[in-house]
N, C-alpha and C. Protein backbone atom coordinates (compact mmCIF):
# COMPACT_ATOMS: atom_id res chain seq x y z
N ILE A 1 -61.35 129.39 -36.73
CA ILE A 1 -61.82 128.94 -35.45
C ILE A 1 -61.63 127.43 -35.29
N ASN A 2 -61.67 126.67 -36.38
CA ASN A 2 -61.54 125.21 -36.23
C ASN A 2 -60.16 124.81 -35.74
N ALA A 3 -59.20 125.74 -35.68
CA ALA A 3 -57.88 125.42 -35.09
C ALA A 3 -58.01 125.13 -33.62
N LEU A 4 -59.08 125.59 -33.04
CA LEU A 4 -59.36 125.30 -31.59
C LEU A 4 -59.86 123.89 -31.39
N GLY A 5 -60.38 123.28 -32.42
CA GLY A 5 -60.94 121.93 -32.30
C GLY A 5 -62.17 121.78 -33.14
N THR A 6 -62.79 120.63 -33.08
CA THR A 6 -63.96 120.36 -33.91
C THR A 6 -65.25 120.76 -33.20
N ASP A 7 -65.21 120.88 -31.88
CA ASP A 7 -66.45 121.30 -31.14
C ASP A 7 -66.50 122.84 -31.13
N LEU A 8 -67.30 123.41 -32.02
CA LEU A 8 -67.36 124.85 -32.15
C LEU A 8 -68.41 125.51 -31.28
N SER A 9 -69.01 124.72 -30.41
CA SER A 9 -69.98 125.32 -29.44
C SER A 9 -69.21 126.25 -28.50
N GLU A 10 -69.92 127.13 -27.82
CA GLU A 10 -69.25 128.02 -26.89
C GLU A 10 -68.48 127.23 -25.82
N ALA A 11 -69.12 126.16 -25.29
CA ALA A 11 -68.48 125.35 -24.28
C ALA A 11 -67.20 124.67 -24.86
N GLY A 12 -67.32 124.20 -26.10
CA GLY A 12 -66.18 123.53 -26.73
C GLY A 12 -65.03 124.47 -26.98
N ARG A 13 -65.35 125.70 -27.40
CA ARG A 13 -64.28 126.70 -27.59
C ARG A 13 -63.62 127.11 -26.29
N MET A 14 -64.44 127.28 -25.23
CA MET A 14 -63.89 127.64 -23.91
C MET A 14 -62.97 126.55 -23.40
N LYS A 15 -63.39 125.27 -23.55
CA LYS A 15 -62.57 124.13 -23.14
C LYS A 15 -61.26 124.11 -23.91
N ALA A 16 -61.32 124.34 -25.20
CA ALA A 16 -60.08 124.35 -26.01
C ALA A 16 -59.16 125.45 -25.57
N LEU A 17 -59.70 126.62 -25.23
CA LEU A 17 -58.85 127.72 -24.77
C LEU A 17 -58.24 127.44 -23.40
N GLN A 18 -59.04 126.81 -22.53
CA GLN A 18 -58.54 126.50 -21.17
C GLN A 18 -57.52 125.36 -21.15
N GLU A 19 -57.66 124.42 -22.06
CA GLU A 19 -56.81 123.23 -22.00
C GLU A 19 -55.80 123.12 -23.21
N GLY A 20 -56.05 123.85 -24.26
CA GLY A 20 -55.21 123.71 -25.46
C GLY A 20 -54.11 124.80 -25.52
N ARG A 21 -53.36 124.75 -26.58
CA ARG A 21 -52.20 125.64 -26.71
C ARG A 21 -52.59 127.07 -26.99
N TYR A 22 -53.79 127.32 -27.57
CA TYR A 22 -54.15 128.72 -27.85
C TYR A 22 -54.59 129.51 -26.64
N GLY A 23 -54.81 128.89 -25.52
CA GLY A 23 -55.20 129.59 -24.34
C GLY A 23 -54.02 129.97 -23.42
N ARG A 24 -52.81 129.57 -23.81
CA ARG A 24 -51.63 129.84 -22.99
C ARG A 24 -51.13 131.26 -23.20
N CYS A 25 -50.50 131.81 -22.18
CA CYS A 25 -49.88 133.11 -22.26
C CYS A 25 -48.61 132.97 -23.13
N VAL A 26 -48.47 133.79 -24.14
CA VAL A 26 -47.31 133.66 -25.03
C VAL A 26 -46.01 134.00 -24.32
N TYR A 27 -46.07 134.76 -23.22
CA TYR A 27 -44.86 135.15 -22.51
C TYR A 27 -44.44 134.08 -21.49
N GLN A 28 -45.30 133.09 -21.22
CA GLN A 28 -44.97 132.09 -20.21
C GLN A 28 -45.09 130.67 -20.77
N CYS A 29 -44.80 130.49 -22.03
CA CYS A 29 -44.86 129.17 -22.60
C CYS A 29 -43.63 128.94 -23.46
N ASP A 30 -43.67 127.88 -24.24
CA ASP A 30 -42.49 127.51 -25.05
C ASP A 30 -42.42 128.20 -26.40
N ASN A 31 -43.10 129.32 -26.54
CA ASN A 31 -43.08 130.09 -27.78
C ASN A 31 -41.71 130.75 -27.93
N ASP A 32 -40.97 130.38 -28.98
CA ASP A 32 -39.68 130.98 -29.19
C ASP A 32 -39.56 131.77 -30.48
N VAL A 33 -40.74 132.19 -30.98
CA VAL A 33 -40.77 133.00 -32.21
C VAL A 33 -40.41 134.43 -31.84
N VAL A 34 -39.50 135.01 -32.64
CA VAL A 34 -39.07 136.39 -32.31
C VAL A 34 -40.21 137.38 -32.58
N ASP A 35 -40.26 138.42 -31.80
CA ASP A 35 -41.29 139.46 -32.04
C ASP A 35 -40.69 140.62 -32.82
N ARG A 36 -39.41 140.63 -33.01
CA ARG A 36 -38.74 141.66 -33.82
C ARG A 36 -37.37 141.13 -34.25
N GLN A 37 -36.94 141.52 -35.44
CA GLN A 37 -35.64 141.07 -35.92
C GLN A 37 -35.19 142.02 -37.01
N THR A 38 -33.91 142.34 -37.00
CA THR A 38 -33.27 143.09 -38.07
C THR A 38 -32.16 142.25 -38.67
N VAL A 39 -32.20 142.06 -39.99
CA VAL A 39 -31.21 141.26 -40.64
C VAL A 39 -30.47 142.16 -41.61
N ASN A 40 -29.16 142.25 -41.44
CA ASN A 40 -28.30 142.99 -42.34
C ASN A 40 -27.65 142.01 -43.29
N MET A 41 -27.74 142.25 -44.59
CA MET A 41 -27.19 141.38 -45.60
C MET A 41 -26.35 142.20 -46.57
N GLU A 42 -25.40 141.52 -47.19
CA GLU A 42 -24.67 142.10 -48.27
C GLU A 42 -24.59 141.09 -49.39
N PHE A 43 -25.10 141.45 -50.56
CA PHE A 43 -25.07 140.52 -51.68
C PHE A 43 -23.70 140.48 -52.30
N ALA A 44 -23.47 139.50 -53.18
CA ALA A 44 -22.15 139.28 -53.76
C ALA A 44 -21.59 140.52 -54.49
N ASP A 45 -22.50 141.32 -55.05
CA ASP A 45 -22.06 142.53 -55.78
C ASP A 45 -21.86 143.74 -54.85
N GLY A 46 -21.97 143.50 -53.54
CA GLY A 46 -21.73 144.57 -52.58
C GLY A 46 -22.98 145.35 -52.16
N THR A 47 -24.15 145.05 -52.77
CA THR A 47 -25.37 145.73 -52.45
C THR A 47 -25.79 145.41 -51.00
N PRO A 48 -25.94 146.45 -50.17
CA PRO A 48 -26.39 146.19 -48.79
C PRO A 48 -27.93 146.13 -48.74
N VAL A 49 -28.46 145.29 -47.87
CA VAL A 49 -29.89 145.14 -47.67
C VAL A 49 -30.15 145.01 -46.19
N VAL A 50 -31.16 145.70 -45.69
CA VAL A 50 -31.59 145.57 -44.29
C VAL A 50 -33.06 145.16 -44.34
N MET A 51 -33.36 144.04 -43.70
CA MET A 51 -34.75 143.61 -43.57
C MET A 51 -35.15 143.74 -42.10
N VAL A 52 -36.24 144.38 -41.85
CA VAL A 52 -36.72 144.56 -40.50
C VAL A 52 -38.08 143.88 -40.39
N MET A 53 -38.26 143.08 -39.37
CA MET A 53 -39.53 142.41 -39.10
C MET A 53 -39.91 142.71 -37.68
N HIS A 54 -41.16 143.10 -37.50
CA HIS A 54 -41.64 143.28 -36.10
C HIS A 54 -43.07 142.82 -36.03
N GLY A 55 -43.43 142.28 -34.87
CA GLY A 55 -44.72 141.67 -34.69
C GLY A 55 -45.69 142.48 -33.90
N HIS A 56 -45.31 143.67 -33.46
CA HIS A 56 -46.24 144.49 -32.66
C HIS A 56 -46.63 145.71 -33.46
N SER A 57 -47.80 145.68 -34.02
CA SER A 57 -48.28 146.83 -34.86
C SER A 57 -49.77 146.86 -34.80
N HIS A 58 -50.28 148.04 -35.21
CA HIS A 58 -51.73 148.19 -35.30
C HIS A 58 -52.31 147.56 -36.54
N GLU A 59 -51.47 147.10 -37.49
CA GLU A 59 -51.99 146.48 -38.68
C GLU A 59 -51.03 145.40 -39.18
N GLU A 60 -51.53 144.44 -39.91
CA GLU A 60 -50.71 143.44 -40.57
C GLU A 60 -50.36 144.05 -41.94
N SER A 61 -49.08 144.12 -42.23
CA SER A 61 -48.66 144.72 -43.52
C SER A 61 -47.25 144.35 -43.85
N ARG A 62 -46.88 144.70 -45.06
CA ARG A 62 -45.51 144.63 -45.51
C ARG A 62 -45.21 145.93 -46.23
N SER A 63 -43.99 146.34 -46.11
CA SER A 63 -43.56 147.51 -46.82
C SER A 63 -42.15 147.26 -47.34
N MET A 64 -41.75 148.10 -48.30
CA MET A 64 -40.40 147.98 -48.85
C MET A 64 -39.91 149.37 -49.17
N ARG A 65 -38.59 149.48 -49.22
CA ARG A 65 -37.98 150.75 -49.59
C ARG A 65 -36.66 150.46 -50.25
N TYR A 66 -36.52 150.96 -51.47
CA TYR A 66 -35.28 150.86 -52.24
C TYR A 66 -34.74 152.24 -52.50
N ASP A 67 -33.54 152.53 -52.05
CA ASP A 67 -32.95 153.82 -52.24
C ASP A 67 -31.88 153.74 -53.34
N GLY A 68 -32.05 154.59 -54.36
CA GLY A 68 -31.07 154.65 -55.43
C GLY A 68 -30.52 156.04 -55.55
N THR A 69 -29.63 156.26 -56.50
CA THR A 69 -28.98 157.56 -56.65
C THR A 69 -30.00 158.60 -57.21
N ARG A 70 -30.99 158.16 -57.97
CA ARG A 70 -31.93 159.14 -58.55
C ARG A 70 -33.28 159.17 -57.87
N ALA A 71 -33.64 158.09 -57.21
CA ALA A 71 -34.98 158.03 -56.63
C ALA A 71 -35.06 157.02 -55.48
N THR A 72 -36.12 157.13 -54.72
CA THR A 72 -36.46 156.14 -53.69
C THR A 72 -37.79 155.53 -54.09
N LEU A 73 -37.82 154.19 -54.07
CA LEU A 73 -39.05 153.47 -54.36
C LEU A 73 -39.57 152.91 -53.07
N ARG A 74 -40.83 153.23 -52.76
CA ARG A 74 -41.44 152.70 -51.55
C ARG A 74 -42.69 151.96 -51.92
N GLY A 75 -42.91 150.82 -51.27
CA GLY A 75 -44.13 150.03 -51.48
C GLY A 75 -44.85 149.80 -50.19
N TYR A 76 -46.16 149.90 -50.24
CA TYR A 76 -47.00 149.70 -49.06
C TYR A 76 -48.02 148.58 -49.42
N PHE A 77 -48.05 147.54 -48.65
CA PHE A 77 -48.89 146.39 -48.93
C PHE A 77 -49.67 146.03 -47.68
N SER A 78 -50.79 146.69 -47.44
CA SER A 78 -51.60 146.43 -46.27
C SER A 78 -53.09 146.40 -46.66
N HIS A 79 -53.91 146.06 -45.72
CA HIS A 79 -55.35 146.10 -45.96
C HIS A 79 -55.80 147.51 -46.26
N PHE A 80 -55.14 148.49 -45.67
CA PHE A 80 -55.59 149.88 -45.78
C PHE A 80 -54.95 150.60 -46.97
N ARG A 81 -53.79 150.20 -47.40
CA ARG A 81 -53.11 150.89 -48.46
C ARG A 81 -52.28 149.93 -49.31
N LYS A 82 -52.50 149.97 -50.61
CA LYS A 82 -51.70 149.18 -51.54
C LYS A 82 -51.23 150.16 -52.62
N ALA A 83 -49.98 150.57 -52.53
CA ALA A 83 -49.43 151.53 -53.46
C ALA A 83 -47.92 151.46 -53.52
N ILE A 84 -47.41 151.95 -54.64
CA ILE A 84 -45.97 152.12 -54.79
C ILE A 84 -45.73 153.60 -55.04
N GLU A 85 -44.75 154.17 -54.30
CA GLU A 85 -44.40 155.55 -54.48
C GLU A 85 -42.99 155.68 -55.08
N ILE A 86 -42.85 156.63 -55.99
CA ILE A 86 -41.50 156.87 -56.55
C ILE A 86 -41.17 158.33 -56.16
N HIS A 87 -40.14 158.51 -55.36
CA HIS A 87 -39.69 159.83 -54.90
C HIS A 87 -38.46 160.22 -55.71
N ASP A 88 -38.59 161.14 -56.64
CA ASP A 88 -37.51 161.58 -57.48
C ASP A 88 -36.60 162.52 -56.70
N HIS A 89 -35.33 162.17 -56.51
CA HIS A 89 -34.41 162.99 -55.75
C HIS A 89 -34.12 164.30 -56.43
N LEU A 90 -34.10 164.35 -57.76
CA LEU A 90 -33.75 165.58 -58.47
C LEU A 90 -34.84 166.63 -58.45
N THR A 91 -36.07 166.18 -58.70
CA THR A 91 -37.18 167.12 -58.80
C THR A 91 -38.02 167.25 -57.54
N GLY A 92 -37.91 166.30 -56.65
CA GLY A 92 -38.74 166.29 -55.46
C GLY A 92 -40.15 165.75 -55.77
N ARG A 93 -40.41 165.40 -56.98
CA ARG A 93 -41.72 164.92 -57.40
C ARG A 93 -41.97 163.52 -56.79
N VAL A 94 -43.20 163.29 -56.39
CA VAL A 94 -43.61 161.96 -55.87
C VAL A 94 -44.74 161.44 -56.73
N GLU A 95 -44.51 160.29 -57.32
CA GLU A 95 -45.52 159.66 -58.13
C GLU A 95 -46.06 158.42 -57.38
N GLU A 96 -47.36 158.30 -57.31
CA GLU A 96 -47.94 157.12 -56.63
C GLU A 96 -48.67 156.25 -57.62
N VAL A 97 -48.40 154.98 -57.56
CA VAL A 97 -49.04 154.00 -58.44
C VAL A 97 -49.87 153.04 -57.55
N ALA A 98 -51.18 153.02 -57.80
CA ALA A 98 -52.07 152.15 -57.02
C ALA A 98 -51.85 150.68 -57.42
N ILE A 99 -51.95 149.81 -56.48
CA ILE A 99 -51.84 148.37 -56.74
C ILE A 99 -53.25 147.83 -56.68
N PRO A 100 -53.67 147.08 -57.72
CA PRO A 100 -55.05 146.55 -57.72
C PRO A 100 -55.26 145.60 -56.53
N GLU A 101 -56.54 145.52 -56.12
CA GLU A 101 -56.91 144.60 -55.07
C GLU A 101 -56.60 143.17 -55.47
N ALA A 102 -56.05 142.39 -54.57
CA ALA A 102 -55.76 141.01 -54.82
C ALA A 102 -56.93 140.13 -54.46
N SER A 103 -57.03 139.02 -55.18
CA SER A 103 -58.18 138.14 -54.98
C SER A 103 -57.83 136.94 -54.10
N SER A 104 -56.60 136.86 -53.64
CA SER A 104 -56.26 135.72 -52.79
C SER A 104 -55.13 136.09 -51.85
N GLY A 105 -54.65 135.10 -51.13
CA GLY A 105 -53.62 135.28 -50.14
C GLY A 105 -52.30 135.76 -50.69
N HIS A 106 -51.48 136.30 -49.76
CA HIS A 106 -50.16 136.79 -50.11
C HIS A 106 -50.20 137.88 -51.20
N GLY A 107 -51.20 138.78 -51.06
CA GLY A 107 -51.32 139.88 -52.02
C GLY A 107 -51.56 139.45 -53.46
N GLY A 108 -52.24 138.32 -53.63
CA GLY A 108 -52.50 137.80 -54.97
C GLY A 108 -51.41 136.85 -55.47
N GLY A 109 -50.31 136.77 -54.70
CA GLY A 109 -49.19 135.90 -55.11
C GLY A 109 -49.59 134.44 -55.23
N ASP A 110 -50.46 133.97 -54.36
CA ASP A 110 -50.86 132.56 -54.39
C ASP A 110 -51.49 132.24 -55.76
N ASN A 111 -52.44 133.09 -56.18
CA ASN A 111 -53.05 132.88 -57.50
C ASN A 111 -52.07 133.01 -58.61
N GLY A 112 -51.18 133.95 -58.47
CA GLY A 112 -50.14 134.16 -59.50
C GLY A 112 -49.26 132.99 -59.70
N ILE A 113 -48.84 132.34 -58.61
CA ILE A 113 -47.97 131.18 -58.65
C ILE A 113 -48.70 130.02 -59.34
N VAL A 114 -49.97 129.80 -58.96
CA VAL A 114 -50.72 128.71 -59.54
C VAL A 114 -50.97 128.99 -61.04
N HIS A 115 -51.33 130.20 -61.38
CA HIS A 115 -51.57 130.57 -62.79
C HIS A 115 -50.30 130.36 -63.61
N SER A 116 -49.14 130.83 -63.11
CA SER A 116 -47.90 130.67 -63.84
C SER A 116 -47.57 129.19 -64.03
N PHE A 117 -47.77 128.37 -63.00
CA PHE A 117 -47.51 126.96 -63.03
C PHE A 117 -48.37 126.29 -64.12
N VAL A 118 -49.65 126.59 -64.14
CA VAL A 118 -50.57 125.99 -65.11
C VAL A 118 -50.18 126.44 -66.52
N GLN A 119 -49.85 127.71 -66.69
CA GLN A 119 -49.43 128.19 -68.01
C GLN A 119 -48.17 127.49 -68.46
N ALA A 120 -47.24 127.23 -67.55
CA ALA A 120 -46.00 126.52 -67.89
C ALA A 120 -46.27 125.09 -68.32
N LEU A 121 -47.23 124.43 -67.60
CA LEU A 121 -47.58 123.03 -67.94
C LEU A 121 -48.18 122.98 -69.34
N ARG A 122 -48.92 124.02 -69.67
CA ARG A 122 -49.53 124.09 -71.02
C ARG A 122 -48.54 124.46 -72.11
N GLY A 123 -47.34 124.87 -71.69
CA GLY A 123 -46.33 125.32 -72.65
C GLY A 123 -46.56 126.76 -73.12
N GLU A 124 -47.43 127.51 -72.46
CA GLU A 124 -47.81 128.85 -72.88
C GLU A 124 -46.88 129.89 -72.24
N GLU A 125 -46.17 129.55 -71.18
CA GLU A 125 -45.39 130.53 -70.45
C GLU A 125 -44.32 129.79 -69.69
N THR A 126 -43.17 130.44 -69.52
CA THR A 126 -42.13 129.81 -68.67
C THR A 126 -42.26 130.34 -67.25
N VAL A 127 -41.95 129.54 -66.28
CA VAL A 127 -42.01 129.95 -64.89
C VAL A 127 -40.96 131.01 -64.68
N SER A 128 -41.36 132.14 -64.09
CA SER A 128 -40.42 133.26 -63.95
C SER A 128 -39.46 133.11 -62.79
N THR A 129 -39.80 132.29 -61.81
CA THR A 129 -38.93 132.06 -60.67
C THR A 129 -38.59 130.54 -60.65
N THR A 130 -37.33 130.25 -60.63
CA THR A 130 -36.89 128.86 -60.63
C THR A 130 -37.03 128.28 -59.23
N ALA A 131 -37.00 126.98 -59.15
CA ALA A 131 -37.05 126.32 -57.84
C ALA A 131 -35.81 126.68 -57.02
N ARG A 132 -34.67 126.84 -57.72
CA ARG A 132 -33.43 127.21 -57.05
C ARG A 132 -33.57 128.60 -56.41
N GLU A 133 -34.14 129.55 -57.15
CA GLU A 133 -34.34 130.88 -56.62
C GLU A 133 -35.30 130.88 -55.41
N SER A 134 -36.32 130.09 -55.50
CA SER A 134 -37.26 129.99 -54.38
C SER A 134 -36.59 129.36 -53.17
N LEU A 135 -35.78 128.33 -53.40
CA LEU A 135 -35.03 127.71 -52.32
C LEU A 135 -34.07 128.71 -51.67
N GLU A 136 -33.42 129.53 -52.52
CA GLU A 136 -32.44 130.49 -52.01
C GLU A 136 -33.08 131.45 -51.03
N SER A 137 -34.29 131.92 -51.30
CA SER A 137 -34.92 132.85 -50.36
C SER A 137 -35.23 132.15 -49.06
N HIS A 138 -35.59 130.90 -49.08
CA HIS A 138 -35.81 130.16 -47.84
C HIS A 138 -34.48 129.90 -47.10
N LEU A 139 -33.42 129.60 -47.85
CA LEU A 139 -32.10 129.43 -47.20
C LEU A 139 -31.64 130.71 -46.52
N MET A 140 -31.97 131.86 -47.11
CA MET A 140 -31.61 133.12 -46.48
C MET A 140 -32.36 133.30 -45.17
N ALA A 141 -33.63 132.89 -45.13
CA ALA A 141 -34.37 132.99 -43.86
C ALA A 141 -33.78 132.06 -42.79
N PHE A 142 -33.39 130.84 -43.20
CA PHE A 142 -32.82 129.90 -42.24
C PHE A 142 -31.44 130.39 -41.78
N ALA A 143 -30.68 131.03 -42.69
CA ALA A 143 -29.37 131.59 -42.30
C ALA A 143 -29.55 132.74 -41.32
N ALA A 144 -30.59 133.56 -41.51
CA ALA A 144 -30.85 134.65 -40.56
C ALA A 144 -31.19 134.08 -39.21
N GLU A 145 -31.91 132.97 -39.17
CA GLU A 145 -32.24 132.37 -37.88
C GLU A 145 -30.98 131.79 -37.20
N GLU A 146 -30.10 131.15 -38.00
CA GLU A 146 -28.83 130.67 -37.43
C GLU A 146 -28.01 131.82 -36.87
N SER A 147 -27.99 132.90 -37.60
CA SER A 147 -27.25 134.09 -37.12
C SER A 147 -27.80 134.60 -35.82
N ARG A 148 -29.11 134.65 -35.73
CA ARG A 148 -29.79 135.12 -34.51
C ARG A 148 -29.48 134.23 -33.33
N LEU A 149 -29.64 132.93 -33.54
CA LEU A 149 -29.47 131.97 -32.44
C LEU A 149 -28.00 131.86 -31.98
N ASN A 150 -27.06 131.96 -32.90
CA ASN A 150 -25.67 131.76 -32.56
C ASN A 150 -24.85 133.05 -32.51
N ASP A 151 -25.49 134.18 -32.78
CA ASP A 151 -24.83 135.48 -32.74
C ASP A 151 -23.57 135.47 -33.60
N VAL A 152 -23.72 135.03 -34.87
CA VAL A 152 -22.63 134.95 -35.79
C VAL A 152 -23.03 135.54 -37.16
N VAL A 153 -22.00 135.96 -37.93
CA VAL A 153 -22.25 136.35 -39.32
C VAL A 153 -22.25 135.05 -40.13
N VAL A 154 -23.22 134.88 -40.97
CA VAL A 154 -23.35 133.66 -41.76
C VAL A 154 -22.95 133.94 -43.24
N ASN A 155 -22.00 133.18 -43.74
CA ASN A 155 -21.64 133.24 -45.12
C ASN A 155 -22.56 132.37 -45.91
N MET A 156 -23.28 132.89 -46.89
CA MET A 156 -24.28 132.08 -47.58
C MET A 156 -23.72 130.93 -48.39
N ALA A 157 -22.52 131.09 -48.95
CA ALA A 157 -21.93 129.97 -49.72
C ALA A 157 -21.64 128.82 -48.79
N ASP A 158 -21.13 129.10 -47.61
CA ASP A 158 -20.86 128.02 -46.61
C ASP A 158 -22.17 127.43 -46.11
N PHE A 159 -23.15 128.28 -45.85
CA PHE A 159 -24.43 127.80 -45.32
C PHE A 159 -25.12 126.92 -46.36
N ARG A 160 -25.09 127.37 -47.62
CA ARG A 160 -25.71 126.61 -48.68
C ARG A 160 -25.03 125.25 -48.86
N ALA A 161 -23.70 125.23 -48.78
CA ALA A 161 -22.98 123.95 -48.91
C ALA A 161 -23.32 123.00 -47.77
N ARG A 162 -23.42 123.51 -46.56
CA ARG A 162 -23.83 122.68 -45.41
C ARG A 162 -25.24 122.15 -45.58
N ALA A 163 -26.16 123.01 -46.10
CA ALA A 163 -27.54 122.57 -46.28
C ALA A 163 -27.62 121.49 -47.35
N GLU A 164 -26.88 121.68 -48.45
CA GLU A 164 -26.89 120.70 -49.53
C GLU A 164 -26.26 119.38 -49.08
N ALA A 165 -25.19 119.48 -48.30
CA ALA A 165 -24.54 118.26 -47.80
C ALA A 165 -25.49 117.49 -46.86
N GLY A 166 -26.19 118.25 -46.01
CA GLY A 166 -27.12 117.64 -45.06
C GLY A 166 -28.32 117.00 -45.75
N SER A 167 -28.77 117.57 -46.89
CA SER A 167 -29.91 117.00 -47.57
C SER A 167 -29.56 115.71 -48.29
N GLN A 168 -28.27 115.48 -48.58
CA GLN A 168 -27.86 114.26 -49.26
C GLN A 168 -27.78 113.11 -48.25
N HIS A 169 -27.74 113.41 -46.95
CA HIS A 169 -27.63 112.37 -45.94
C HIS A 169 -28.89 112.13 -45.20
N GLY A 170 -29.95 112.88 -45.49
CA GLY A 170 -31.14 112.80 -44.70
C GLY A 170 -32.24 112.22 -45.44
């Protein structure tokens, strides 16, 4: 609620909604965030990936699906359901693995990142994700946005080179 301002009285909140950015109609303002997007990617080894994002749903959640020759792996990450399912193509058997409740944001990932970092500082553990790998996932998101805005296929090697060249001049 404090995003509306420091005056949390009813009158203060009403004034913030009437005069501030949170009271505007999202369809008639400068909001240019997409409400749905499908990104088709192909990795260097030829693996195809489709990422679908949509903003209109009855719940906030993430899901994943990996299809292989022997099985399909599905993951559900929402307030209502946290589980991974393995659908065996040969037997038709479905195994469900429950995911423990997370104690912090991003499904527990925030705590995991901090824990891993502290362990690495102590020399007890190496960080499992490098800064380069983390940067790459962000570059992919920026490339998807460039593709959307310019209606073009983006080559990641070219995009990465442009981003690195730009960072050396800025």
